[in-house]
Amino acid sequence: MKDEARDTPFMIGPGKSYIAKEPLGVVAVIGSWNFPLVTTISPLISAIAAGNVVLFKPSEFAPFCSVVFKRLFARYLDSSAF
């Protein structure tokens, strides 16, 4: 968990660069009503790929998208993980 020092590019100027390792967390993905698939699937995939726990809430104004999400999750995700 110790910070890793990196070379600072000349264009950025004087300073220090390092990689700080942080523990994984919980991410809340709340869908919107106007673009429910795009605004929920993209952040959901990114958060899961980063190793986070995801709290997923689709919009209540897009009930058919909730049905699609349920079918996709049941088909492609491990049932012990969600």
Protein backbone atom coordinates (compact mmCIF):
# COMPACT_ATOMS: atom_id res chain seq x y z
CA MET A 1 0.00 0.00 0.00
CA LYS A 2 3.04 2.26 -0.06
CA ASP A 3 2.99 5.05 -2.66
CA GLU A 4 5.06 4.37 -5.80
CA ALA A 5 7.15 7.30 -7.03
CA ARG A 6 7.02 8.09 -10.76
CA ASP A 7 8.97 10.49 -12.96
CA THR A 8 7.23 13.81 -13.45
CA PRO A 9 7.09 14.91 -17.11
CA PHE A 10 8.98 18.10 -17.95
CA MET A 11 5.87 19.68 -19.52
CA ILE A 12 3.99 19.57 -16.23
CA GLY A 13 6.67 21.48 -14.38
CA PRO A 14 8.13 21.10 -10.94
CA GLY A 15 6.33 18.68 -8.76
CA LYS A 16 6.13 15.10 -7.61
CA SER A 17 4.24 12.24 -9.20
CA TYR A 18 3.25 9.05 -7.46
CA ILE A 19 0.69 6.26 -7.61
CA ALA A 20 -1.44 6.07 -4.49
CA LYS A 21 -3.08 2.68 -3.93
CA GLU A 22 -6.45 3.03 -2.30
CA PRO A 23 -8.76 0.32 -0.99
CA LEU A 24 -11.78 -0.66 -3.02
CA GLY A 25 -15.10 0.83 -2.14
CA VAL A 26 -18.81 0.92 -2.80
CA VAL A 27 -20.18 2.68 -5.87
CA ALA A 28 -23.81 3.78 -6.29
CA VAL A 29 -25.07 3.76 -9.88
CA ILE A 30 -28.41 5.53 -10.18
CA GLY A 31 -30.01 5.44 -13.61
CA SER A 32 -31.66 8.34 -15.33
CA TRP A 33 -35.04 8.28 -16.99
CA ASN A 34 -34.04 9.76 -20.36
CA PHE A 35 -31.16 7.39 -21.32
CA PRO A 36 -31.59 4.50 -18.88
CA LEU A 37 -29.41 1.92 -20.64
CA VAL A 38 -26.45 4.15 -21.43
CA THR A 39 -26.31 5.96 -18.10
CA THR A 40 -26.45 2.79 -16.02
CA ILE A 41 -24.60 0.08 -17.94
CA SER A 42 -21.41 2.06 -18.67
CA PRO A 43 -20.72 3.11 -15.06
CA LEU A 44 -21.80 -0.33 -13.83
CA ILE A 45 -19.28 -2.12 -16.08
CA SER A 46 -16.50 0.29 -15.15
CA ALA A 47 -17.13 -0.01 -11.42
CA ILE A 48 -17.25 -3.81 -11.49
CA ALA A 49 -14.10 -3.95 -13.64
CA ALA A 50 -12.31 -1.77 -11.08
CA GLY A 51 -13.21 -4.26 -8.35
CA ASN A 52 -15.79 -2.21 -6.50
CA VAL A 53 -19.04 -3.29 -4.92
CA VAL A 54 -21.91 -1.71 -6.86
CA LEU A 55 -25.28 -0.56 -5.60
CA PHE A 56 -27.42 -0.48 -8.73
CA LYS A 57 -30.73 1.39 -8.94
CA PRO A 58 -32.44 1.80 -12.31
CA SER A 59 -34.92 4.60 -12.84
CA GLU A 60 -38.48 3.98 -11.69
CA PHE A 61 -39.68 5.83 -14.81
CA ALA A 62 -38.19 3.15 -17.09
CA PRO A 63 -39.75 -0.12 -15.86
CA PHE A 64 -39.04 -2.05 -19.06
CA CYS A 65 -35.34 -1.36 -18.72
CA SER A 66 -35.46 -2.84 -15.24
CA VAL A 67 -36.84 -6.05 -16.73
CA VAL A 68 -34.03 -6.09 -19.30
CA PHE A 69 -31.43 -5.55 -16.57
CA LYS A 70 -32.88 -8.40 -14.53
CA ARG A 71 -32.71 -10.78 -17.51
CA LEU A 72 -29.17 -9.73 -18.40
CA PHE A 73 -27.92 -10.07 -14.83
CA ALA A 74 -29.50 -13.49 -14.43
CA ARG A 75 -27.97 -14.67 -17.68
CA TYR A 76 -24.45 -13.21 -17.57
CA LEU A 77 -23.55 -12.57 -13.93
CA ASP A 78 -22.79 -15.12 -11.24
CA SER A 79 -25.91 -15.50 -9.12
CA SER A 80 -23.85 -15.71 -5.91
CA ALA A 81 -22.34 -12.31 -6.68
CA PHE A 82 -25.51 -10.25 -6.99
